[in-house]
């Protein structure tokens, strides 16, 4: 996948620092990003495990995240039922973009986490411990209600209600995921948590990566 290859490039191999280019928004650049759908835009074929504690891979978390993104997108479509098809289509593309942004942020979060955790040196990125699993999944869905005002707070409430429809999850795990989503746009002092700090950093670094990518493809 194009984006995953880019994420494993020299930009992120050293100190998780990306250049911040001067950048002016253009709709055609956004469309270029949307053409790279990633595997996160496509549902997986395997059966989803029944318990969150049984999940062991990024692919399983991505499949679960996809189900939630689809449910959220369907809700937005219902709210837009009276709008023209063109507007609804643009809205759908914007949701895809947010999902891609979260996917990129998720890959960055894993890299930062593994670098911080000295005891995990030599481990594979696809081998998730319980803490990294919570961080990665929360990052994949942190903007799931981006088009609502106060999207982080509304997103956390929505996840708290809807996640249990798709998988059995312990209350402590659900609370941690919701808190990470709830406070990802707030001050770190509101919820002093190392995983939240990584999510916030990954969110910002993802935006820088996207801007840098747009700058590169604009000169091709």
Protein backbone atom coordinates (compact mmCIF):
# COMPACT_ATOMS: atom_id res chain seq x y z
CA UNK A 1 0.00 0.00 0.00
CA UNK A 2 1.33 3.38 -1.06
CA UNK A 3 0.78 5.20 2.21
CA UNK A 4 2.17 2.44 4.38
CA UNK A 5 5.30 2.35 2.22
CA UNK A 6 5.62 6.11 2.65
CA UNK A 7 5.19 5.82 6.41
CA UNK A 8 8.13 3.42 6.56
CA UNK A 9 10.32 5.85 4.64
CA UNK A 10 13.11 7.95 6.06
CA UNK A 11 10.67 10.53 7.43
CA UNK A 12 9.69 8.29 10.33
CA UNK A 13 12.70 6.01 10.68
CA UNK A 14 14.77 8.33 12.85
CA UNK A 15 13.13 10.66 15.33
CA UNK A 16 9.48 10.88 14.23
CA UNK A 17 9.94 14.38 12.91
CA UNK A 18 8.48 15.63 9.65
CA UNK A 19 9.12 18.84 7.75
CA UNK A 20 6.38 21.47 7.90
CA UNK A 21 6.09 22.92 4.38
CA UNK A 22 4.21 26.06 3.46
CA UNK A 23 0.90 24.76 2.18
CA UNK A 24 -2.28 26.22 0.75
CA UNK A 25 -5.39 24.07 0.65
CA UNK A 26 -6.59 23.00 -2.78
CA UNK A 27 -9.49 20.69 -3.47
CA UNK A 28 -7.57 18.74 -6.14
CA UNK A 29 -4.92 17.85 -3.57
CA UNK A 30 -7.56 16.46 -1.26
CA UNK A 31 -8.93 14.37 -4.11
CA UNK A 32 -5.46 12.96 -4.76
CA UNK A 33 -5.37 11.72 -1.20
CA UNK A 34 -8.80 10.19 -1.49
CA UNK A 35 -7.73 8.04 -4.44
CA UNK A 36 -5.39 6.15 -2.11
CA UNK A 37 -8.05 4.26 -0.20
CA UNK A 38 -5.74 1.95 1.78
CA UNK A 39 -6.94 -1.41 2.99
CA UNK A 40 -8.80 0.46 5.76
CA UNK A 41 -11.44 1.43 3.20
CA UNK A 42 -12.19 -2.18 2.36
CA UNK A 43 -13.81 -4.64 4.79
CA UNK A 44 -11.79 -7.74 5.57
CA UNK A 45 -13.15 -11.18 4.70
CA UNK A 46 -12.42 -13.01 7.93
CA UNK A 47 -14.76 -13.43 10.88
CA UNK A 48 -14.41 -10.78 13.56
CA UNK A 49 -13.43 -12.14 16.98
CA UNK A 50 -16.09 -11.85 19.67
CA UNK A 51 -13.95 -10.46 22.49
CA UNK A 52 -11.66 -7.43 22.36
CA UNK A 53 -9.17 -9.25 24.58
CA UNK A 54 -8.78 -11.92 21.86
CA UNK A 55 -7.59 -9.44 19.26
CA UNK A 56 -3.89 -9.80 18.56
CA UNK A 57 -3.22 -8.05 15.23
CA UNK A 58 -3.53 -4.66 13.58
CA UNK A 59 -5.68 -6.22 10.86
CA UNK A 60 -8.33 -7.30 13.36
CA UNK A 61 -8.40 -3.85 14.93
CA UNK A 62 -8.64 -2.24 11.50
CA UNK A 63 -11.60 -4.43 10.62
CA UNK A 64 -13.38 -3.50 13.84
CA UNK A 65 -12.62 0.18 13.23
CA UNK A 66 -14.01 -0.12 9.69
CA UNK A 67 -17.32 -1.40 11.05
CA UNK A 68 -17.58 1.59 13.37
CA UNK A 69 -16.65 4.05 10.62
CA UNK A 70 -19.30 2.56 8.36
CA UNK A 71 -21.94 2.86 11.07
CA UNK A 72 -20.99 6.47 11.74
CA UNK A 73 -20.96 7.28 8.01
CA UNK A 74 -24.40 5.72 7.59
CA UNK A 75 -25.73 7.95 10.38
CA UNK A 76 -24.40 11.03 8.62
CA UNK A 77 -26.00 9.86 5.36
CA UNK A 78 -29.36 9.60 7.09
CA UNK A 79 -29.01 13.17 8.38
CA UNK A 80 -28.24 14.31 4.82
CA UNK A 81 -31.12 12.44 3.22
CA UNK A 82 -32.82 15.66 2.13
CA UNK A 83 -29.68 17.05 0.47
CA UNK A 84 -28.66 16.71 -3.16
CA UNK A 85 -26.73 13.60 -4.18
CA UNK A 86 -23.67 15.67 -5.04
CA UNK A 87 -23.49 17.08 -1.52
CA UNK A 88 -23.95 13.64 0.02
CA UNK A 89 -21.21 12.26 -2.20
CA UNK A 90 -18.78 14.97 -1.17
CA UNK A 91 -19.63 14.33 2.45
CA UNK A 92 -18.89 10.64 1.97
CA UNK A 93 -15.52 11.42 0.41
CA UNK A 94 -14.69 13.68 3.33
CA UNK A 95 -15.44 10.81 5.73
CA UNK A 96 -13.05 8.59 3.75
CA UNK A 97 -10.38 11.24 4.11
CA UNK A 98 -10.85 11.37 7.89
CA UNK A 99 -10.53 7.58 8.04
CA UNK A 100 -7.30 7.73 6.04
CA UNK A 101 -5.96 10.43 8.36
CA UNK A 102 -6.71 8.23 11.38
CA UNK A 103 -5.05 5.24 9.71
CA UNK A 104 -1.87 7.23 9.09
CA UNK A 105 -1.94 8.53 12.66
CA UNK A 106 -2.32 4.95 13.88
CA UNK A 107 0.85 3.83 12.10
CA UNK A 108 2.74 6.78 13.57
CA UNK A 109 1.39 6.02 17.06
CA UNK A 110 2.78 2.50 16.89
CA UNK A 111 6.22 3.78 15.91
CA UNK A 112 6.29 6.35 18.71
CA UNK A 113 5.07 3.83 21.29
CA UNK A 114 7.64 1.20 20.32
CA UNK A 115 10.41 3.75 20.43
CA UNK A 116 9.38 4.93 23.90
CA UNK A 117 9.09 1.42 25.29
CA UNK A 118 12.66 0.23 25.50
CA UNK A 119 11.56 -3.22 26.59
CA UNK A 120 9.85 -3.77 23.25
CA UNK A 121 13.01 -3.41 21.16
CA UNK A 122 13.19 -6.14 18.57
CA UNK A 123 9.44 -6.80 18.68
CA UNK A 124 7.28 -6.78 15.58
CA UNK A 125 4.88 -3.88 15.00
CA UNK A 126 2.09 -6.35 14.32
CA UNK A 127 2.49 -7.92 17.77
CA UNK A 128 0.33 -5.79 20.03
CA UNK A 129 0.40 -5.79 23.80
CA UNK A 130 -2.73 -4.70 25.68
CA UNK A 131 -1.63 -1.07 26.05
CA UNK A 132 -0.57 -0.65 22.43
CA UNK A 133 -3.79 -2.29 21.29
CA UNK A 134 -5.86 0.33 23.12
CA UNK A 135 -3.72 3.16 21.76
CA UNK A 136 -3.80 1.95 18.16
CA UNK A 137 -7.54 1.32 18.13
CA UNK A 138 -8.37 4.68 19.74
CA UNK A 139 -6.18 6.40 17.16
CA UNK A 140 -7.96 4.61 14.31
CA UNK A 141 -11.32 6.02 15.42
CA UNK A 142 -10.44 9.31 17.15
CA UNK A 143 -12.10 11.44 14.43
CA UNK A 144 -15.10 9.20 13.87
CA UNK A 145 -17.50 12.09 14.64
CA UNK A 146 -15.38 14.81 13.07
CA UNK A 147 -18.36 16.54 11.48
CA UNK A 148 -20.12 17.18 14.78
CA UNK A 149 -19.38 20.19 16.94
CA UNK A 150 -17.12 19.14 19.82
CA UNK A 151 -16.36 16.01 17.85
CA UNK A 152 -14.03 14.50 20.43
CA UNK A 153 -16.64 14.58 23.19
CA UNK A 154 -19.47 13.38 20.93
CA UNK A 155 -17.20 10.73 19.42
CA UNK A 156 -16.35 9.31 22.84
CA UNK A 157 -20.04 9.08 23.78
CA UNK A 158 -20.90 7.48 20.44
CA UNK A 159 -18.14 4.88 20.81
CA UNK A 160 -19.22 4.12 24.38
CA UNK A 161 -22.70 3.29 23.09
CA UNK A 162 -21.87 1.58 19.81
CA UNK A 163 -18.63 -0.37 20.25
CA UNK A 164 -20.32 -3.00 22.42
CA UNK A 165 -22.68 -3.78 19.53
CA UNK A 166 -19.75 -5.25 17.58
CA UNK A 167 -17.55 -6.87 20.20
CA UNK A 168 -17.44 -7.84 23.86
CA UNK A 169 -15.12 -5.50 25.73
CA UNK A 170 -14.23 -4.97 29.37
CA UNK A 171 -15.43 -1.76 30.97
CA UNK A 172 -11.89 -0.68 31.76
CA UNK A 173 -10.79 -1.13 28.13
CA UNK A 174 -13.84 0.71 26.83
CA UNK A 175 -13.30 3.55 29.30
CA UNK A 176 -9.66 3.96 28.24
CA UNK A 177 -10.55 4.05 24.52
CA UNK A 178 -13.31 6.58 25.12
CA UNK A 179 -11.05 8.78 27.26
CA UNK A 180 -8.34 8.81 24.60
CA UNK A 181 -10.90 9.86 22.00
CA UNK A 182 -12.57 12.32 24.37
CA UNK A 183 -9.41 14.22 25.26
CA UNK A 184 -7.37 13.98 22.05
CA UNK A 185 -8.18 17.64 21.26
CA UNK A 186 -7.88 18.90 24.81
CA UNK A 187 -5.08 19.80 27.17
CA UNK A 188 -2.93 16.94 28.38
CA UNK A 189 -3.68 18.20 31.90
CA UNK A 190 -7.34 17.21 31.46
CA UNK A 191 -6.42 13.54 31.24
CA UNK A 192 -2.77 13.05 32.16
CA UNK A 193 -1.94 9.87 30.31
CA UNK A 194 1.12 8.78 28.31
CA UNK A 195 -1.02 7.10 25.65
CA UNK A 196 -2.97 10.32 25.15
CA UNK A 197 0.28 12.23 24.64
CA UNK A 198 1.26 9.74 21.92
CA UNK A 199 -2.16 9.99 20.25
CA UNK A 200 -2.00 13.79 20.21
CA UNK A 201 1.52 13.74 18.77
CA UNK A 202 0.50 11.18 16.14
CA UNK A 203 -2.52 13.27 15.19
CA UNK A 204 -0.33 16.32 14.56
CA UNK A 205 2.43 14.37 12.79
CA UNK A 206 -0.15 12.78 10.50
CA UNK A 207 -1.34 16.22 9.41
CA UNK A 208 2.25 17.26 8.70
CA UNK A 209 2.82 14.08 6.72
CA UNK A 210 -0.30 14.70 4.63
CA UNK A 211 0.74 18.27 3.88
CA UNK A 212 4.22 17.12 2.90
CA UNK A 213 2.71 14.44 0.68
CA UNK A 214 0.48 16.99 -1.06
CA UNK A 215 3.51 19.18 -1.68
CA UNK A 216 5.37 16.29 -3.29
CA UNK A 217 2.55 15.11 -5.57
CA UNK A 218 1.76 18.67 -6.66
CA UNK A 219 5.07 18.84 -8.53
CA UNK A 220 4.77 15.42 -10.22
